[in-house]
């Protein structure tokens, strides 16, 4: 990972740089406090410990002149802290998807551990046969960059069986989306319960890594990190024989994830064969200007057309299920209808659900989720869902 975010101290009178404050191959995630009196910055950062997931948030402090850089947390996980009123102590709670919360009392001046206060007990959860999400890392398209993701299994998991694979995707360039902290329930697990392996991945083009990692999205939203995602899934399947890719991979997402999931079966139909796409912003020429142009750029060039799901609809070879709310006020429903029109003109088979009065994210309604589950069972398992 190349150098991440850097603090500089500027002279407001002249506009000149007085000094560089931070340096290193890590990313500043948030400024928590600027202490003018003591000339210190308290901030959150990722990637400060080489052996840890670079998305984990840690808490730090540095002086305006760049001296005194102190890492106040160090446990292998993502951290949140509470400060004592005098900021001399902090209570640090950290966790991972495969590690329930650990809470510590630490010295806020040095970061030194004073005492472990509590360690969550998940024994009752494990007795339900709840499957611990697996963190998995594989190299991306360049063969060098680590790509991070999570694997979810059903509670009745049997490693001697073969399971179809589904990816839950959201590839918006404005953040990263694979969960990093512990929860007893992730929504992807509901689909895994049907007998699937479900994965989530942060491919190149998303943020909270290096600038070069993020720059992949520039004029390139149609990429959605798919070259990294495909390599990651293949690497996971090579290590885990229970992941069955022989009939292709399913994929689903909403909004920007709806754009990406449809893009998957249009541009990478030899790998992704079944997609469920909700309220997708399928053409960056007609969606919210402030969102699309931020990464696709101005003026509107040929790259907009080349990456549009409308102009690529004729490339559909797999199974596609589109859902949209009639009154979506976030992404114009016409975005979906333009894809529908192009699919009809190309004589392609597809499924469509329009919900009267429905808004953005209607695919996450009880009915929308049931229809999504049925679509995957029907087309990835070859089983007709039972009557209800």
Foldseek 3Di string as FASTA:
>chain_A
DDKEDWDFDADPVVRDTPATQDTDQWYWDFWDDQDPVQQKTKTWIFDPDVVADRLAIWIWMTHNRNPDTATLDDDRFHWDWDADPVRQKIWIWGAFLQAAIWIFIAGRRHSHTDGTDDGDDCVVLVVVLADRKDWDWDDFPVRPDIKIKIKHAASVDDLVAAAEEEEEDDLQQAAFDHDTGYDSDDPQRVLNNVGHIYMYIHAFCHDRHHPVSVLCLALNLLPSRVRGVVRRLVVVCVVRVNHDQPQAYEYEYEASSLLNQLSCQQVVVVHYAHYEHELYQQALVPADCVRSCVRSNDDDDPSRLVSGLLNRLLSHDHEYEYEYECAAPHGHCVSVVSSVVSNVVSVHDYHYHYHYPDYGPCCPPPVNVVVVSQRCCCRVVVDHDDDD
